[in-house]
Amino acid sequence: MTLNGWFQIFLYFAVILLLTRPMGVFIAKVFCRERTWLDPVLRPVEKLLYKLTRVDEDHEMRWTEYSIAMLLFSAVSMLLLYVMQRVQQWMPWNPQKLAAVAPDLAFNTAASFTTNTNWQNYAGETTMSYLTQMAGLAYHNFASAAVGIALAIALVAAIALSQTVKRTHMHRGDMFGEFMMHHMAEQLNLTDTQQTQMKDIAAKAKPSIEPLHQQMAQGHQQMMQLVTSGNFDEAKAREIANAALFLASDESSYVNGSTFLVDGGLSAAYVTPE
C-alpha cells in the first residue's frame, strides 16, 4: 500500500474520532428532548410536521403504538418504492428512457431497502432512473436506518423508565412502612422487643420480585400473632396493610404529595367545625 493510501486511512479514522463526542452529545440531546444549536432552524419545521400529521409530541407511546407505527410507516414506504420502480418509464429524470423494473425485482428491491439490507440484484446505471435512485433508494438508505435507531432508543428508554419506577416505588414503600410502624408502635404502646420483631416481619414483607400481596399477607399474619393488644384487631391491620400495598404498587404511580388517613375516623374527632 502506498503512503497516500495509509494517509487516507489515518485521516478517515481521525475524523471519526473527532466527530464521535460532539455528534454523540448532539444525538443524546435530541433524544432527551433538550435544546440543540439546530433548534432555531429545525424546531419550527418539526412543529409544522407534527401539526400536519396531527402528532402529539408530549404523548408517551406504548410498545404496541411503536410497533404499529413502525409497521405502517415501513409498509407505506415499501409500497411507494415499489410503485416508483414500476412506473419509472413515465416519470421525469429518466434521460436513458429506462423501462419499468420487473415486478419480482421491484418487490425484492423495495423489501430489501425498507429493511435496511440494501440488496442490489441489478446494475443501477442500466436499471434504475435518476429519480428512482435519488427519491427512492437514497431516501430508504436514511429512513430505514432512522426507524431502527428510533426503535432502539424507545427500547432503551422503556428499560430505564421501568427501573426508575421500580426503585421509586420500593423507596416509597420503605418510607411508608417506617412511618406506619412508628405510628402503630405509639398507638399500641409496644415494647422495644415487640417493635424490633415487628420491623423484622415488615422487612420480610418488603417489595421484591415476589408478588407484593403475598408478602403483605404473610407479614400481616405474623404481625397479628405478635401483637395481641385488644385495640389492634384483624380488621384494622388489614386496612393498614391494604393502604401500604396500594402505595407500594404501580397503581399509585400518579399519587404525589397526598396524605392517606387509615385510622377509622380517629383524626376526624380532632377536627373543629367552622
C-alpha atoms as a PDB file:
ATOM      1  CA  MET A   1       0.000   0.000   0.000  1.00  0.00           C
ATOM      2  CA  THR A   2       1.226   3.483  -0.872  1.00  0.00           C
ATOM      3  CA  LEU A   3       1.930   6.263   1.604  1.00  0.00           C
ATOM      4  CA  ASN A   4      -1.072   8.142   0.245  1.00  0.00           C
ATOM      5  CA  GLY A   5      -3.288   5.130   0.992  1.00  0.00           C
ATOM      6  CA  TRP A   6      -2.097   4.937   4.617  1.00  0.00           C
ATOM      7  CA  PHE A   7      -2.603   8.680   4.971  1.00  0.00           C
ATOM      8  CA  GLN A   8      -6.212   8.399   3.801  1.00  0.00           C
ATOM      9  CA  ILE A   9      -6.925   5.580   6.270  1.00  0.00           C
ATOM     10  CA  PHE A  10      -5.389   7.576   9.120  1.00  0.00           C
ATOM     11  CA  LEU A  11      -7.328  10.700   8.123  1.00  0.00           C
ATOM     12  CA  TYR A  12     -10.574   8.727   7.968  1.00  0.00           C
ATOM     13  CA  PHE A  13     -10.218   7.332  11.496  1.00  0.00           C
ATOM     14  CA  ALA A  14      -9.044  10.700  12.833  1.00  0.00           C
ATOM     15  CA  VAL A  15     -12.174  12.406  11.531  1.00  0.00           C
ATOM     16  CA  ILE A  16     -14.357   9.684  13.101  1.00  0.00           C
ATOM     17  CA  LEU A  17     -12.647  10.116  16.476  1.00  0.00           C
ATOM     18  CA  LEU A  18     -13.017  13.896  16.348  1.00  0.00           C
ATOM     19  CA  LEU A  19     -16.726  13.702  15.483  1.00  0.00           C
ATOM     20  CA  THR A  20     -17.677  10.923  17.916  1.00  0.00           C
ATOM     21  CA  ARG A  21     -18.090  13.010  21.059  1.00  0.00           C
ATOM     22  CA  PRO A  22     -19.812  16.129  19.609  1.00  0.00           C
ATOM     23  CA  MET A  23     -22.148  14.004  17.468  1.00  0.00           C
ATOM     24  CA  GLY A  24     -22.887  11.693  20.394  1.00  0.00           C
ATOM     25  CA  VAL A  25     -23.735  14.633  22.658  1.00  0.00           C
ATOM     26  CA  PHE A  26     -25.929  16.150  19.953  1.00  0.00           C
ATOM     27  CA  ILE A  27     -27.830  12.899  19.336  1.00  0.00           C
ATOM     28  CA  ALA A  28     -28.285  12.379  23.092  1.00  0.00           C
ATOM     29  CA  LYS A  29     -29.792  15.867  23.425  1.00  0.00           C
ATOM     30  CA  VAL A  30     -32.130  15.225  20.513  1.00  0.00           C
ATOM     31  CA  PHE A  31     -33.487  12.004  22.020  1.00  0.00           C
ATOM     32  CA  CYS A  32     -33.699  13.560  25.506  1.00  0.00           C
ATOM     33  CA  ARG A  33     -35.701  16.483  24.076  1.00  0.00           C
ATOM     34  CA  GLU A  34     -33.072  19.010  25.090  1.00  0.00           C
ATOM     35  CA  ARG A  35     -32.328  22.178  23.140  1.00  0.00           C
ATOM     36  CA  THR A  36     -29.639  21.979  20.436  1.00  0.00           C
ATOM     37  CA  TRP A  37     -27.955  24.556  18.225  1.00  0.00           C
ATOM     38  CA  LEU A  38     -30.180  23.483  15.311  1.00  0.00           C
ATOM     39  CA  ASP A  39     -33.451  24.132  17.160  1.00  0.00           C
ATOM     40  CA  PRO A  40     -33.919  27.698  15.842  1.00  0.00           C
ATOM     41  CA  VAL A  41     -33.919  26.296  12.304  1.00  0.00           C
ATOM     42  CA  LEU A  42     -35.404  22.808  12.598  1.00  0.00           C
ATOM     43  CA  ARG A  43     -37.804  23.189  15.530  1.00  0.00           C
ATOM     44  CA  PRO A  44     -40.364  25.245  13.531  1.00  0.00           C
ATOM     45  CA  VAL A  45     -40.239  22.646  10.747  1.00  0.00           C
ATOM     46  CA  GLU A  46     -40.697  19.846  13.283  1.00  0.00           C
ATOM     47  CA  LYS A  47     -43.720  21.569  14.843  1.00  0.00           C
ATOM     48  CA  LEU A  48     -45.247  22.109  11.399  1.00  0.00           C
ATOM     49  CA  LEU A  49     -44.872  18.421  10.553  1.00  0.00           C
ATOM     50  CA  TYR A  50     -46.454  17.452  13.882  1.00  0.00           C
ATOM     51  CA  LYS A  51     -49.363  19.781  13.176  1.00  0.00           C
ATOM     52  CA  LEU A  52     -49.903  18.472   9.647  1.00  0.00           C
ATOM     53  CA  THR A  53     -49.770  14.835  10.758  1.00  0.00           C
ATOM     54  CA  ARG A  54     -51.725  15.501  13.990  1.00  0.00           C
ATOM     55  CA  VAL A  55     -48.984  14.095  16.188  1.00  0.00           C
ATOM     56  CA  ASP A  56     -48.949  14.966  19.901  1.00  0.00           C
ATOM     57  CA  GLU A  57     -45.241  15.169  20.759  1.00  0.00           C
ATOM     58  CA  ASP A  58     -45.988  15.020  24.506  1.00  0.00           C
ATOM     59  CA  HIS A  59     -47.857  11.717  24.231  1.00  0.00           C
ATOM     60  CA  GLU A  60     -45.961   8.755  25.690  1.00  0.00           C
ATOM     61  CA  MET A  61     -46.411   5.813  23.317  1.00  0.00           C
ATOM     62  CA  ARG A  62     -46.915   2.234  24.432  1.00  0.00           C
ATOM     63  CA  TRP A  63     -44.914  -0.576  22.829  1.00  0.00           C
ATOM     64  CA  THR A  64     -47.950  -1.529  20.750  1.00  0.00           C
ATOM     65  CA  GLU A  65     -48.160   2.006  19.348  1.00  0.00           C
ATOM     66  CA  TYR A  66     -44.460   1.942  18.476  1.00  0.00           C
ATOM     67  CA  SER A  67     -44.864  -1.415  16.730  1.00  0.00           C
ATOM     68  CA  ILE A  68     -47.929  -0.380  14.719  1.00  0.00           C
ATOM     69  CA  ALA A  69     -46.353   2.971  13.740  1.00  0.00           C
ATOM     70  CA  MET A  70     -43.168   1.236  12.586  1.00  0.00           C
ATOM     71  CA  LEU A  71     -45.037  -1.371  10.547  1.00  0.00           C
ATOM     72  CA  LEU A  72     -47.356   1.186   8.905  1.00  0.00           C
ATOM     73  CA  PHE A  73     -44.504   3.570   8.094  1.00  0.00           C
ATOM     74  CA  SER A  74     -42.397   0.776   6.614  1.00  0.00           C
ATOM     75  CA  ALA A  75     -45.314  -0.682   4.655  1.00  0.00           C
ATOM     76  CA  VAL A  76     -46.191   2.665   3.071  1.00  0.00           C
ATOM     77  CA  SER A  77     -42.533   3.403   2.279  1.00  0.00           C
ATOM     78  CA  MET A  78     -42.079  -0.010   0.717  1.00  0.00           C
ATOM     79  CA  LEU A  79     -45.224   0.368  -1.396  1.00  0.00           C
ATOM     80  CA  LEU A  80     -44.140   3.792  -2.683  1.00  0.00           C
ATOM     81  CA  LEU A  81     -40.710   2.490  -3.674  1.00  0.00           C
ATOM     82  CA  TYR A  82     -42.277  -0.487  -5.455  1.00  0.00           C
ATOM     83  CA  VAL A  83     -44.658   1.770  -7.408  1.00  0.00           C
ATOM     84  CA  MET A  84     -41.842   4.187  -8.240  1.00  0.00           C
ATOM     85  CA  GLN A  85     -39.851   1.377  -9.838  1.00  0.00           C
ATOM     86  CA  ARG A  86     -42.828   0.034 -11.745  1.00  0.00           C
ATOM     87  CA  VAL A  87     -43.761   3.392 -13.324  1.00  0.00           C
ATOM     88  CA  GLN A  88     -40.316   4.974 -13.748  1.00  0.00           C
ATOM     89  CA  GLN A  89     -40.617   4.920 -17.569  1.00  0.00           C
ATOM     90  CA  TRP A  90     -43.307   7.625 -17.261  1.00  0.00           C
ATOM     91  CA  MET A  91     -41.564   9.637 -14.548  1.00  0.00           C
ATOM     92  CA  PRO A  92     -39.146  12.587 -15.047  1.00  0.00           C
ATOM     93  CA  TRP A  93     -35.352  12.416 -14.692  1.00  0.00           C
ATOM     94  CA  ASN A  94     -35.076   9.354 -16.867  1.00  0.00           C
ATOM     95  CA  PRO A  95     -32.912  10.532 -19.785  1.00  0.00           C
ATOM     96  CA  GLN A  96     -31.878   6.959 -20.656  1.00  0.00           C
ATOM     97  CA  LYS A  97     -35.561   6.048 -21.147  1.00  0.00           C
ATOM     98  CA  LEU A  98     -35.172   3.030 -18.874  1.00  0.00           C
ATOM     99  CA  ALA A  99     -38.114   0.653 -18.802  1.00  0.00           C
ATOM    100  CA  ALA A 100     -40.095  -0.319 -15.721  1.00  0.00           C
ATOM    101  CA  VAL A 101     -38.360  -2.654 -13.287  1.00  0.00           C
ATOM    102  CA  ALA A 102     -39.665  -6.219 -13.374  1.00  0.00           C
ATOM    103  CA  PRO A 103     -42.293  -6.991 -10.684  1.00  0.00           C
ATOM    104  CA  ASP A 104     -40.200  -9.564  -8.794  1.00  0.00           C
ATOM    105  CA  LEU A 105     -37.054  -7.408  -8.856  1.00  0.00           C
ATOM    106  CA  ALA A 106     -39.025  -4.293  -7.862  1.00  0.00           C
ATOM    107  CA  PHE A 107     -40.570  -6.142  -4.883  1.00  0.00           C
ATOM    108  CA  ASN A 108     -37.211  -7.592  -3.812  1.00  0.00           C
ATOM    109  CA  THR A 109     -35.512  -4.190  -4.006  1.00  0.00           C
ATOM    110  CA  ALA A 110     -38.323  -2.415  -2.145  1.00  0.00           C
ATOM    111  CA  ALA A 111     -38.347  -5.015   0.647  1.00  0.00           C
ATOM    112  CA  SER A 112     -34.552  -5.016   0.860  1.00  0.00           C
ATOM    113  CA  PHE A 113     -34.128  -1.244   1.156  1.00  0.00           C
ATOM    114  CA  THR A 114     -37.066  -0.896   3.564  1.00  0.00           C
ATOM    115  CA  THR A 115     -35.479  -3.416   5.944  1.00  0.00           C
ATOM    116  CA  ASN A 116     -32.037  -1.734   5.627  1.00  0.00           C
ATOM    117  CA  THR A 117     -30.378  -4.742   3.974  1.00  0.00           C
ATOM    118  CA  ASN A 118     -29.919  -2.876   0.641  1.00  0.00           C
ATOM    119  CA  TRP A 119     -29.533  -5.965  -1.529  1.00  0.00           C
ATOM    120  CA  GLN A 120     -28.916  -4.779  -5.112  1.00  0.00           C
ATOM    121  CA  ASN A 121     -29.551  -7.568  -7.570  1.00  0.00           C
ATOM    122  CA  TYR A 122     -29.196  -5.299 -10.603  1.00  0.00           C
ATOM    123  CA  ALA A 123     -26.901  -2.814 -12.331  1.00  0.00           C
ATOM    124  CA  GLY A 124     -28.072   0.587 -11.102  1.00  0.00           C
ATOM    125  CA  GLU A 125     -26.973   2.593 -14.125  1.00  0.00           C
ATOM    126  CA  THR A 126     -28.936   0.387 -16.534  1.00  0.00           C
ATOM    127  CA  THR A 127     -31.960  -0.448 -14.362  1.00  0.00           C
ATOM    128  CA  MET A 128     -32.954   2.478 -12.132  1.00  0.00           C
ATOM    129  CA  SER A 129     -33.672   6.037 -13.309  1.00  0.00           C
ATOM    130  CA  TYR A 130     -32.146   9.050 -11.603  1.00  0.00           C
ATOM    131  CA  LEU A 131     -35.442   9.772  -9.833  1.00  0.00           C
ATOM    132  CA  THR A 132     -35.791   6.206  -8.551  1.00  0.00           C
ATOM    133  CA  GLN A 133     -32.249   6.212  -7.209  1.00  0.00           C
ATOM    134  CA  MET A 134     -32.482   9.648  -5.572  1.00  0.00           C
ATOM    135  CA  ALA A 135     -36.070   9.786  -4.264  1.00  0.00           C
ATOM    136  CA  GLY A 136     -36.472   6.049  -3.727  1.00  0.00           C
ATOM    137  CA  LEU A 137     -33.269   4.216  -2.876  1.00  0.00           C
ATOM    138  CA  ALA A 138     -31.312   7.090  -1.292  1.00  0.00           C
ATOM    139  CA  TYR A 139     -34.355   8.021   0.812  1.00  0.00           C
ATOM    140  CA  HIS A 140     -34.586   4.474   2.190  1.00  0.00           C
ATOM    141  CA  ASN A 141     -30.877   4.468   2.987  1.00  0.00           C
ATOM    142  CA  PHE A 142     -31.700   7.160   5.550  1.00  0.00           C
ATOM    143  CA  ALA A 143     -35.283   6.299   6.573  1.00  0.00           C
ATOM    144  CA  SER A 144     -34.752   2.592   7.259  1.00  0.00           C
ATOM    145  CA  ALA A 145     -31.757   3.313   9.486  1.00  0.00           C
ATOM    146  CA  ALA A 146     -33.650   6.121  11.246  1.00  0.00           C
ATOM    147  CA  VAL A 147     -36.532   3.764  12.033  1.00  0.00           C
ATOM    148  CA  GLY A 148     -34.111   1.292  13.585  1.00  0.00           C
ATOM    149  CA  ILE A 149     -32.447   3.990  15.711  1.00  0.00           C
ATOM    150  CA  ALA A 150     -35.816   5.344  16.883  1.00  0.00           C
ATOM    151  CA  LEU A 151     -36.966   1.894  18.000  1.00  0.00           C
ATOM    152  CA  ALA A 152     -33.648   1.217  19.719  1.00  0.00           C
ATOM    153  CA  ILE A 153     -33.903   4.481  21.683  1.00  0.00           C
ATOM    154  CA  ALA A 154     -37.520   3.682  22.610  1.00  0.00           C
ATOM    155  CA  LEU A 155     -36.432   0.284  23.932  1.00  0.00           C
ATOM    156  CA  VAL A 156     -33.593   1.784  25.979  1.00  0.00           C
ATOM    157  CA  ALA A 157     -35.914   4.484  27.361  1.00  0.00           C
ATOM    158  CA  ALA A 158     -38.531   1.889  28.336  1.00  0.00           C
ATOM    159  CA  ILE A 159     -35.967  -0.205  30.212  1.00  0.00           C
ATOM    160  CA  ALA A 160     -34.570   2.856  32.002  1.00  0.00           C
ATOM    161  CA  LEU A 161     -38.068   4.074  32.914  1.00  0.00           C
ATOM    162  CA  SER A 162     -39.140   0.704  34.276  1.00  0.00           C
ATOM    163  CA  GLN A 163     -36.064   0.543  36.508  1.00  0.00           C
ATOM    164  CA  THR A 164     -36.653   4.112  37.730  1.00  0.00           C
ATOM    165  CA  VAL A 165     -40.309   3.413  38.563  1.00  0.00           C
ATOM    166  CA  LYS A 166     -39.361   0.213  40.362  1.00  0.00           C
ATOM    167  CA  ARG A 167     -36.763   1.982  42.514  1.00  0.00           C
ATOM    168  CA  THR A 168     -39.192   4.846  43.218  1.00  0.00           C
ATOM    169  CA  HIS A 169     -41.943   2.506  44.412  1.00  0.00           C
ATOM    170  CA  MET A 170     -39.565   0.495  46.551  1.00  0.00           C
ATOM    171  CA  HIS A 171     -38.289   3.703  48.173  1.00  0.00           C
ATOM    172  CA  ARG A 172     -41.852   4.919  48.671  1.00  0.00           C
ATOM    173  CA  GLY A 173     -42.828   1.600  50.199  1.00  0.00           C
ATOM    174  CA  ASP A 174     -39.889   1.762  52.629  1.00  0.00           C
ATOM    175  CA  MET A 175     -40.788   5.273  53.777  1.00  0.00           C
ATOM    176  CA  PHE A 176     -44.459   4.447  54.222  1.00  0.00           C
ATOM    177  CA  GLY A 177     -43.642   1.247  56.085  1.00  0.00           C
ATOM    178  CA  GLU A 178     -41.340   3.064  58.513  1.00  0.00           C
ATOM    179  CA  PHE A 179     -43.999   5.697  59.172  1.00  0.00           C
ATOM    180  CA  MET A 180     -46.779   3.161  59.747  1.00  0.00           C
ATOM    181  CA  MET A 181     -44.679   1.029  62.079  1.00  0.00           C
ATOM    182  CA  HIS A 182     -43.742   4.069  64.144  1.00  0.00           C
ATOM    183  CA  HIS A 183     -47.391   5.172  64.288  1.00  0.00           C
ATOM    184  CA  MET A 184     -48.628   1.730  65.309  1.00  0.00           C
ATOM    185  CA  ALA A 185     -45.915   1.419  67.957  1.00  0.00           C
ATOM    186  CA  GLU A 186     -47.056   4.671  69.553  1.00  0.00           C
ATOM    187  CA  GLN A 187     -50.753   3.793  69.423  1.00  0.00           C
ATOM    188  CA  LEU A 188     -50.266   0.289  70.851  1.00  0.00           C
ATOM    189  CA  ASN A 189     -47.555   1.129  73.387  1.00  0.00           C
ATOM    190  CA  LEU A 190     -45.399  -1.729  72.122  1.00  0.00           C
ATOM    191  CA  THR A 191     -42.231  -2.663  73.929  1.00  0.00           C
ATOM    192  CA  ASP A 192     -38.818  -2.331  72.298  1.00  0.00           C
ATOM    193  CA  THR A 193     -38.726  -6.087  71.756  1.00  0.00           C
ATOM    194  CA  GLN A 194     -42.133  -6.057  70.050  1.00  0.00           C
ATOM    195  CA  GLN A 195     -41.081  -3.118  67.845  1.00  0.00           C
ATOM    196  CA  THR A 196     -37.918  -4.962  66.789  1.00  0.00           C
ATOM    197  CA  GLN A 197     -39.885  -8.093  65.975  1.00  0.00           C
ATOM    198  CA  MET A 198     -42.436  -6.050  64.004  1.00  0.00           C
ATOM    199  CA  LYS A 199     -39.668  -4.421  61.930  1.00  0.00           C
ATOM    200  CA  ASP A 200     -38.204  -7.841  61.164  1.00  0.00           C
ATOM    201  CA  ILE A 201     -41.615  -9.046  59.991  1.00  0.00           C
ATOM    202  CA  ALA A 202     -42.102  -5.917  57.835  1.00  0.00           C
ATOM    203  CA  ALA A 203     -38.643  -6.399  56.286  1.00  0.00           C
ATOM    204  CA  LYS A 204     -39.646  -9.882  55.147  1.00  0.00           C
ATOM    205  CA  ALA A 205     -42.728  -8.385  53.510  1.00  0.00           C
ATOM    206  CA  LYS A 206     -40.681  -5.722  51.711  1.00  0.00           C
ATOM    207  CA  PRO A 207     -41.496  -5.370  47.962  1.00  0.00           C
ATOM    208  CA  SER A 208     -39.241  -7.534  45.821  1.00  0.00           C
ATOM    209  CA  ILE A 209     -39.558  -9.794  42.813  1.00  0.00           C
ATOM    210  CA  GLU A 210     -42.196 -11.909  44.541  1.00  0.00           C
ATOM    211  CA  PRO A 211     -45.876 -10.896  44.358  1.00  0.00           C
ATOM    212  CA  LEU A 212     -46.339  -7.998  46.758  1.00  0.00           C
ATOM    213  CA  HIS A 213     -49.765  -9.030  48.022  1.00  0.00           C
ATOM    214  CA  GLN A 214     -48.481 -12.443  49.085  1.00  0.00           C
ATOM    215  CA  GLN A 215     -45.656 -10.868  51.086  1.00  0.00           C
ATOM    216  CA  MET A 216     -48.010  -8.405  52.747  1.00  0.00           C
ATOM    217  CA  ALA A 217     -50.422 -11.190  53.671  1.00  0.00           C
ATOM    218  CA  GLN A 218     -47.612 -13.257  55.192  1.00  0.00           C
ATOM    219  CA  GLY A 219     -46.229 -10.299  57.113  1.00  0.00           C
ATOM    220  CA  HIS A 220     -49.709  -9.391  58.324  1.00  0.00           C
ATOM    221  CA  GLN A 221     -50.355 -12.870  59.687  1.00  0.00           C
ATOM    222  CA  GLN A 222     -47.046 -12.931  61.566  1.00  0.00           C
ATOM    223  CA  MET A 223     -47.596  -9.449  62.946  1.00  0.00           C
ATOM    224  CA  MET A 224     -51.098 -10.369  64.163  1.00  0.00           C
ATOM    225  CA  GLN A 225     -49.670 -13.309  66.035  1.00  0.00           C
ATOM    226  CA  LEU A 226     -47.164 -10.994  67.738  1.00  0.00           C
ATOM    227  CA  VAL A 227     -49.439  -8.090  68.650  1.00  0.00           C
ATOM    228  CA  THR A 228     -52.218  -9.289  70.949  1.00  0.00           C
ATOM    229  CA  SER A 229     -53.433  -5.911  72.147  1.00  0.00           C
ATOM    230  CA  GLY A 230     -57.187  -5.659  72.254  1.00  0.00           C
ATOM    231  CA  ASN A 231     -57.425  -2.419  70.248  1.00  0.00           C
ATOM    232  CA  PHE A 232     -55.342  -3.824  67.363  1.00  0.00           C
ATOM    233  CA  ASP A 233     -57.713  -6.328  65.818  1.00  0.00           C
ATOM    234  CA  GLU A 234     -57.514  -8.054  62.444  1.00  0.00           C
ATOM    235  CA  ALA A 235     -59.781  -5.593  60.661  1.00  0.00           C
ATOM    236  CA  LYS A 236     -57.556  -2.598  61.483  1.00  0.00           C
ATOM    237  CA  ALA A 237     -54.397  -4.424  60.442  1.00  0.00           C
ATOM    238  CA  ARG A 238     -55.957  -5.430  57.125  1.00  0.00           C
ATOM    239  CA  GLU A 239     -56.921  -1.839  56.319  1.00  0.00           C
ATOM    240  CA  ILE A 240     -53.409  -0.593  57.061  1.00  0.00           C
ATOM    241  CA  ALA A 241     -51.858  -3.392  55.018  1.00  0.00           C
ATOM    242  CA  ASN A 242     -54.148  -2.639  52.044  1.00  0.00           C
ATOM    243  CA  ALA A 243     -53.151   1.048  52.120  1.00  0.00           C
ATOM    244  CA  ALA A 244     -49.460   0.144  52.228  1.00  0.00           C
ATOM    245  CA  LEU A 245     -49.974  -2.341  49.402  1.00  0.00           C
ATOM    246  CA  PHE A 246     -51.612   0.319  47.234  1.00  0.00           C
ATOM    247  CA  LEU A 247     -48.917   2.955  47.816  1.00  0.00           C
ATOM    248  CA  ALA A 248     -46.123   0.489  47.104  1.00  0.00           C
ATOM    249  CA  SER A 249     -47.689  -0.793  43.870  1.00  0.00           C
ATOM    250  CA  ASP A 250     -47.728   0.572  40.319  1.00  0.00           C
ATOM    251  CA  GLU A 251     -51.385   1.511  40.790  1.00  0.00           C
ATOM    252  CA  SER A 252     -50.252   4.594  42.765  1.00  0.00           C
ATOM    253  CA  SER A 253     -47.770   5.850  40.173  1.00  0.00           C
ATOM    254  CA  TYR A 254     -49.657   9.163  39.813  1.00  0.00           C
ATOM    255  CA  VAL A 255     -50.093   9.707  43.553  1.00  0.00           C
ATOM    256  CA  ASN A 256     -47.922  12.600  44.653  1.00  0.00           C
ATOM    257  CA  GLY A 257     -47.949  14.567  47.893  1.00  0.00           C
ATOM    258  CA  SER A 258     -51.130  13.024  49.271  1.00  0.00           C
ATOM    259  CA  THR A 259     -51.889  12.030  52.855  1.00  0.00           C
ATOM    260  CA  PHE A 260     -53.820   8.801  53.354  1.00  0.00           C
ATOM    261  CA  LEU A 261     -55.625   8.555  56.683  1.00  0.00           C
ATOM    262  CA  VAL A 262     -56.284   4.956  57.727  1.00  0.00           C
ATOM    263  CA  ASP A 263     -57.411   5.373  61.318  1.00  0.00           C
ATOM    264  CA  GLY A 264     -61.110   4.516  61.330  1.00  0.00           C
ATOM    265  CA  GLY A 265     -62.128   8.167  61.807  1.00  0.00           C
ATOM    266  CA  LEU A 266     -59.784   8.883  64.720  1.00  0.00           C
ATOM    267  CA  SER A 267     -58.426  12.045  63.055  1.00  0.00           C
ATOM    268  CA  ALA A 268     -61.933  13.342  62.387  1.00  0.00           C
ATOM    269  CA  ALA A 269     -62.573  13.577  66.134  1.00  0.00           C
ATOM    270  CA  TYR A 270     -59.980  16.329  66.420  1.00  0.00           C
ATOM    271  CA  VAL A 271     -61.368  18.471  63.574  1.00  0.00           C
ATOM    272  CA  THR A 272     -63.024  21.667  64.854  1.00  0.00           C
ATOM    273  CA  PRO A 273     -66.210  22.566  62.916  1.00  0.00           C
ATOM    274  CA  GLU A 274     -66.240  26.005  61.289  1.00  0.00           C
END
